[in-house]
Amino acid sequence: MSVAFIFPGLNSLMRKSDRARFLHLPEVQDYFARAENVISDRFNKKFDFKEFLELPAEEIYSLKNISLAAVAICSIQSGVAQRLKDKVGEPDWVMGCSLGDLARAVFAGAYAFEDAVFNHIWFTQRIDGIDQIGKNIGVLAPKGEVFGAEDFAWFDETAVDVSCLTPRFLNIGGRYADLNKVEERAKEKNWNVITILEYPAHSRYILPYVQAVESDFHEVKAFKPKISVFSSLSTQPLEDPELIKQEFLLSITRPIHWSQAVQQLVNDKNIKQFINIGPCRSLSGLMRDIPVQVETKEAFEILA
């Protein structure tokens, strides 16, 4: 059976039960220790991830802590994927959703874990003011309905950037004034709207922050992956280390095409089973609205 490991994004730590789900695993504890050593050695700061994960969600996801939340997710996912590989074998493909690309690249051997920790913290130190531009919202169409060409044309005219996670659930990044128009249209269309992040991730409006660190980013090292990697940004396989490195830099500025990527893995790569690395179950929930016939399992159920 062809299998793909899938890695969720930044929302993985929203629930306390998800944060605690894998803390007992020795592999996760090891990755936490390695990340804490990087923070101590390279940033001269003592840090405890277990204490950090006891904080309220709003503090974990505050702008000052967002890079540490990302490292916590990467550490958990890297540990879980390693243990899962030891138990069920190496997957045929790996794919991340947004921040899940970080652990996906580490697990595939395309990015050294210590480099991932240092670079993510280092390159996100200069994001002050990013929350003043806009935000990121989720927009859900009523049950039985999907977003159509007319809707996407309207989003384009409104200058927001749309990530299609399923045919009826979109992740939209943009400026506050433009998102106000989206929320007004949502009332007319009976769409449900929730705030996901307090800054406009996966949108063109993050680009100036990326360009500010682009020259330094040339020093980042990426490698040819040892496990096949599929991109939910380009919806293509990723083999070239330079393209992988480019995605590290530009991923926050580009929309995600999760629904299309899942369908291509199933239809073109013959994937029969997805295993959600977690710790949250958001990607499993999305599968219900993606038109594919595939089995989805949770890593925590397999490892229990």
Protein backbone atom coordinates (compact mmCIF):
# COMPACT_ATOMS: atom_id res chain seq x y z
CA MET A 1 0.00 0.00 0.00
CA SER A 2 1.37 3.43 -0.99
CA VAL A 3 1.48 5.75 2.02
CA ALA A 4 2.05 9.47 2.56
CA PHE A 5 2.85 11.17 5.87
CA ILE A 6 1.15 14.58 6.13
CA PHE A 7 2.28 17.33 8.50
CA PRO A 8 -0.21 19.98 9.77
CA GLY A 9 0.63 23.65 10.19
CA LEU A 10 0.77 26.31 12.87
CA ASN A 11 -2.65 25.55 14.36
CA SER A 12 -1.26 22.28 15.77
CA LEU A 13 -0.88 23.68 19.29
CA MET A 14 -4.24 25.39 19.72
CA ARG A 15 -5.69 22.68 21.97
CA LYS A 16 -3.91 21.70 25.17
CA SER A 17 -4.77 18.04 24.57
CA ASP A 18 -2.95 18.19 21.22
CA ARG A 19 0.09 19.85 22.78
CA ALA A 20 0.38 17.06 25.36
CA ARG A 21 -0.41 14.17 23.02
CA PHE A 22 3.18 13.12 22.23
CA LEU A 23 5.22 14.62 25.05
CA HIS A 24 5.88 11.17 26.52
CA LEU A 25 7.70 9.90 23.43
CA PRO A 26 11.49 9.67 23.88
CA GLU A 27 11.97 10.84 20.29
CA VAL A 28 9.99 14.02 20.95
CA GLN A 29 11.87 14.64 24.18
CA ASP A 30 15.13 14.24 22.27
CA TYR A 31 14.13 16.79 19.64
CA PHE A 32 13.06 19.23 22.36
CA ALA A 33 16.47 18.82 24.03
CA ARG A 34 18.25 19.41 20.73
CA ALA A 35 16.17 22.54 20.06
CA GLU A 36 16.80 23.84 23.59
CA ASN A 37 20.55 23.34 23.05
CA VAL A 38 20.41 25.43 19.87
CA ILE A 39 18.54 28.20 21.70
CA SER A 40 21.07 28.07 24.54
CA ASP A 41 24.20 27.87 22.39
CA ARG A 42 23.22 30.20 19.55
CA PHE A 43 20.91 32.70 21.29
CA ASN A 44 22.29 32.51 24.84
CA LYS A 45 18.84 31.84 26.27
CA LYS A 46 17.56 29.06 28.51
CA PHE A 47 14.28 27.64 27.35
CA ASP A 48 11.98 24.78 28.35
CA PHE A 49 9.48 23.60 25.74
CA LYS A 50 7.38 21.62 28.20
CA GLU A 51 6.88 24.76 30.31
CA PHE A 52 6.17 26.76 27.14
CA LEU A 53 3.42 24.35 26.11
CA GLU A 54 1.67 24.85 29.44
CA LEU A 55 1.02 28.51 28.57
CA PRO A 56 -2.39 29.66 27.32
CA ALA A 57 -2.84 29.35 23.55
CA GLU A 58 -3.02 33.13 23.10
CA GLU A 59 0.44 33.50 24.67
CA ILE A 60 1.95 30.62 22.70
CA TYR A 61 0.65 32.23 19.51
CA SER A 62 1.58 35.81 20.39
CA LEU A 63 3.83 37.46 17.82
CA LYS A 64 6.81 37.47 20.21
CA ASN A 65 6.54 33.69 20.64
CA ILE A 66 5.49 32.61 17.16
CA SER A 67 8.92 31.32 16.13
CA LEU A 68 9.15 29.25 19.34
CA ALA A 69 5.70 27.79 18.65
CA ALA A 70 6.94 26.84 15.19
CA VAL A 71 10.03 25.14 16.63
CA ALA A 72 7.86 23.29 19.17
CA ILE A 73 5.65 21.95 16.36
CA CYS A 74 8.66 20.97 14.26
CA SER A 75 10.21 19.14 17.23
CA ILE A 76 7.02 17.21 18.00
CA GLN A 77 6.40 16.31 14.37
CA SER A 78 10.01 15.26 13.75
CA GLY A 79 9.94 12.97 16.78
CA VAL A 80 6.57 11.45 15.87
CA ALA A 81 7.56 10.87 12.23
CA GLN A 82 10.78 9.18 13.30
CA ARG A 83 8.96 6.84 15.70
CA LEU A 84 6.25 6.13 13.12
CA LYS A 85 8.86 5.26 10.50
CA ASP A 86 10.46 2.81 12.93
CA LYS A 87 7.07 1.18 13.55
CA VAL A 88 5.41 1.06 10.11
CA GLY A 89 8.26 1.78 7.73
CA GLU A 90 9.26 4.66 5.50
CA PRO A 91 6.42 6.41 3.63
CA ASP A 92 6.35 6.71 -0.15
CA TRP A 93 5.74 10.47 0.03
CA VAL A 94 5.68 13.28 2.58
CA MET A 95 3.76 16.54 2.33
CA GLY A 96 3.34 19.48 4.70
CA CYS A 97 0.63 22.09 5.04
CA SER A 98 2.16 25.53 5.64
CA LEU A 99 4.47 25.27 8.69
CA GLY A 100 4.29 21.48 8.38
CA ASP A 101 6.79 21.88 5.54
CA LEU A 102 9.50 22.48 8.16
CA ALA A 103 9.27 19.05 9.82
CA ARG A 104 8.49 17.47 6.44
CA ALA A 105 11.86 18.69 5.12
CA VAL A 106 13.70 17.61 8.28
CA PHE A 107 12.16 14.13 8.21
CA ALA A 108 12.94 13.73 4.49
CA GLY A 109 16.60 14.59 5.10
CA ALA A 110 16.43 17.82 3.10
CA TYR A 111 17.09 20.11 6.10
CA ALA A 112 19.21 19.56 9.20
CA PHE A 113 17.08 19.89 12.34
CA GLU A 114 19.51 22.19 14.16
CA ASP A 115 19.68 24.43 11.09
CA ALA A 116 15.88 24.49 10.91
CA VAL A 117 15.67 25.64 14.55
CA PHE A 118 18.34 28.31 14.27
CA ASN A 119 17.23 29.66 10.89
CA HIS A 120 13.55 29.83 11.79
CA ILE A 121 14.22 31.80 14.97
CA TRP A 122 16.90 33.97 13.34
CA PHE A 123 14.90 34.90 10.25
CA THR A 124 11.69 35.63 12.15
CA GLN A 125 13.30 38.13 14.52
CA ARG A 126 12.53 40.94 12.09
CA ILE A 127 8.76 40.61 11.83
CA ASP A 128 7.71 43.45 14.13
CA GLY A 129 4.69 45.18 12.63
CA ILE A 130 3.58 42.20 10.59
CA ASP A 131 0.35 42.10 12.59
CA GLN A 132 -0.45 45.70 11.61
CA ILE A 133 -0.86 44.82 7.93
CA GLY A 134 -3.72 42.39 8.05
CA LYS A 135 -4.61 38.87 9.12
CA ASN A 136 -5.47 35.37 7.98
CA ILE A 137 -9.03 34.06 8.04
CA GLY A 138 -10.80 30.79 7.30
CA VAL A 139 -13.95 30.92 5.15
CA LEU A 140 -16.33 27.95 5.07
CA ALA A 141 -19.15 27.55 2.56
CA PRO A 142 -22.45 26.01 3.72
CA LYS A 143 -22.69 22.23 3.71
CA GLY A 144 -23.27 20.91 0.21
CA GLU A 145 -21.85 24.05 -1.45
CA VAL A 146 -18.40 24.78 -2.89
CA PHE A 147 -16.59 27.92 -3.99
CA GLY A 148 -16.88 28.55 -7.73
CA ALA A 149 -15.08 30.46 -10.47
CA GLU A 150 -17.17 33.58 -9.78
CA ASP A 151 -16.07 33.55 -6.11
CA PHE A 152 -12.38 33.15 -6.99
CA ALA A 153 -12.61 35.96 -9.56
CA TRP A 154 -14.13 38.20 -6.89
CA PHE A 155 -11.37 37.31 -4.39
CA ASP A 156 -8.80 38.17 -7.06
CA GLU A 157 -10.40 41.55 -7.69
CA THR A 158 -10.50 42.20 -3.94
CA ALA A 159 -6.70 41.70 -3.74
CA VAL A 160 -6.72 38.90 -1.18
CA ASP A 161 -4.71 35.68 -1.52
CA VAL A 162 -6.68 32.45 -1.33
CA SER A 163 -5.42 29.03 -0.24
CA CYS A 164 -7.88 26.31 -1.25
CA LEU A 165 -7.74 23.71 1.52
CA THR A 166 -10.92 21.94 0.37
CA PRO A 167 -13.57 22.83 -2.23
CA ARG A 168 -15.63 24.45 0.56
CA PHE A 169 -12.93 25.72 2.97
CA LEU A 170 -10.52 28.53 2.11
CA ASN A 171 -7.67 30.13 4.03
CA ILE A 172 -7.46 33.80 3.03
CA GLY A 173 -4.66 36.25 3.78
CA GLY A 174 -4.92 39.96 3.14
CA ARG A 175 -5.07 43.51 4.42
CA TYR A 176 -7.67 44.46 6.99
CA ALA A 177 -9.73 46.67 4.62
CA ASP A 178 -9.85 43.97 1.95
CA LEU A 179 -10.77 41.28 4.46
CA ASN A 180 -13.62 43.48 5.69
CA LYS A 181 -15.06 43.18 2.16
CA VAL A 182 -14.70 39.41 2.36
CA GLU A 183 -16.56 39.36 5.67
CA GLU A 184 -19.36 41.48 4.20
CA ARG A 185 -19.68 39.12 1.23
CA ALA A 186 -19.68 36.19 3.66
CA LYS A 187 -22.85 37.56 5.26
CA GLU A 188 -24.57 37.67 1.87
CA LYS A 189 -23.42 34.15 0.96
CA ASN A 190 -23.93 32.56 4.41
CA TRP A 191 -20.23 31.71 4.63
CA ASN A 192 -18.78 31.11 8.08
CA VAL A 193 -15.66 33.18 8.87
CA ILE A 194 -13.07 32.60 11.61
CA THR A 195 -9.79 34.34 12.34
CA ILE A 196 -6.86 31.93 12.03
CA LEU A 197 -3.77 34.13 12.47
CA GLU A 198 -3.34 37.76 13.44
CA TYR A 199 -1.08 38.43 10.46
CA PRO A 200 -1.58 37.84 6.70
CA ALA A 201 0.21 34.50 6.20
CA HIS A 202 0.31 33.00 2.71
CA SER A 203 -0.21 36.35 1.09
CA ARG A 204 1.76 38.82 -1.03
CA TYR A 205 1.71 41.27 1.88
CA ILE A 206 4.39 39.30 3.76
CA LEU A 207 6.83 39.69 0.87
CA PRO A 208 8.67 42.81 2.20
CA TYR A 209 9.60 40.88 5.36
CA VAL A 210 10.94 38.01 3.26
CA GLN A 211 12.92 40.34 1.00
CA ALA A 212 14.54 41.90 4.08
CA VAL A 213 16.31 38.60 4.88
CA GLU A 214 16.75 37.26 1.33
CA SER A 215 20.47 38.06 1.01
CA ASP A 216 21.29 36.30 4.30
CA PHE A 217 19.19 33.31 3.29
CA HIS A 218 21.73 32.26 0.65
CA GLU A 219 23.76 30.67 3.46
CA VAL A 220 20.96 28.21 4.31
CA LYS A 221 21.82 24.63 3.38
CA ALA A 222 19.29 22.24 1.87
CA PHE A 223 19.88 18.74 0.54
CA LYS A 224 18.33 16.33 -1.94
CA PRO A 225 15.57 14.55 0.05
CA LYS A 226 15.94 10.86 0.91
CA ILE A 227 12.14 10.44 0.90
CA SER A 228 9.96 11.75 -1.93
CA VAL A 229 8.57 15.22 -1.11
CA PHE A 230 5.40 16.68 -2.63
CA SER A 231 4.77 20.41 -2.41
CA SER A 232 1.35 21.75 -1.45
CA LEU A 233 2.46 25.14 -2.81
CA SER A 234 3.54 24.16 -6.34
CA THR A 235 1.63 20.83 -6.36
CA GLN A 236 4.77 19.23 -7.76
CA PRO A 237 7.42 16.83 -6.45
CA LEU A 238 10.38 18.61 -4.84
CA GLU A 239 13.82 17.14 -5.49
CA ASP A 240 16.13 20.08 -6.20
CA PRO A 241 17.69 21.45 -2.96
CA GLU A 242 17.59 24.97 -4.40
CA LEU A 243 13.85 24.75 -4.99
CA ILE A 244 13.36 23.34 -1.49
CA LYS A 245 15.35 26.26 -0.08
CA GLN A 246 13.33 28.70 -2.17
CA GLU A 247 10.13 27.29 -0.68
CA PHE A 248 11.51 27.81 2.85
CA LEU A 249 11.84 31.49 2.03
CA LEU A 250 8.72 32.11 -0.03
CA SER A 251 6.19 29.69 1.48
CA ILE A 252 4.68 32.32 3.78
CA THR A 253 4.00 34.57 0.76
CA ARG A 254 2.27 31.93 -1.41
CA PRO A 255 -1.18 30.35 -1.27
CA ILE A 256 -1.46 26.66 -0.37
CA HIS A 257 -3.18 24.32 -2.84
CA TRP A 258 -3.88 21.55 -0.34
CA SER A 259 -6.99 20.12 -1.99
CA GLN A 260 -5.32 19.91 -5.39
CA ALA A 261 -2.12 18.42 -3.93
CA VAL A 262 -4.03 15.69 -2.08
CA GLN A 263 -5.94 14.79 -5.23
CA GLN A 264 -2.74 14.61 -7.27
CA LEU A 265 -1.06 12.32 -4.72
CA VAL A 266 -4.06 10.00 -4.85
CA ASN A 267 -4.71 10.11 -8.59
CA ASP A 268 -1.18 10.49 -9.98
CA LYS A 269 1.00 8.86 -7.29
CA ASN A 270 -1.47 6.14 -6.30
CA ILE A 271 -1.47 7.02 -2.59
CA LYS A 272 -3.90 4.74 -0.76
CA GLN A 273 -3.34 5.92 2.80
CA PHE A 274 -2.48 9.22 4.47
CA ILE A 275 -1.08 9.20 8.01
CA ASN A 276 -1.60 12.48 9.82
CA ILE A 277 1.48 13.19 11.94
CA GLY A 278 -0.38 15.68 14.12
CA PRO A 279 -0.41 16.61 16.91
CA CYS A 280 -3.72 18.17 15.81
CA ARG A 281 -6.29 16.46 13.58
CA SER A 282 -7.02 19.41 11.29
CA LEU A 283 -5.76 17.72 8.12
CA SER A 284 -7.84 14.60 8.79
CA GLY A 285 -10.91 16.82 9.10
CA LEU A 286 -10.19 18.41 5.72
CA MET A 287 -10.16 15.00 4.03
CA ARG A 288 -13.92 14.69 4.45
CA ASP A 289 -14.46 17.49 1.92
CA ILE A 290 -11.78 16.55 -0.63
CA PRO A 291 -13.13 14.33 -3.44
CA VAL A 292 -10.77 11.35 -3.05
CA GLN A 293 -11.20 7.72 -2.05
CA VAL A 294 -8.38 7.23 0.44
CA GLU A 295 -7.85 6.01 4.00
CA THR A 296 -6.67 8.54 6.57
CA LYS A 297 -5.18 7.42 9.88
CA GLU A 298 -3.85 9.27 12.92
CA ALA A 299 -0.24 8.75 14.02
CA PHE A 300 -1.28 8.73 17.67
CA GLU A 301 -3.67 5.82 17.04
CA ILE A 302 -0.94 3.79 15.32
CA LEU A 303 1.58 4.56 18.06
CA ALA A 304 -0.81 3.95 20.97
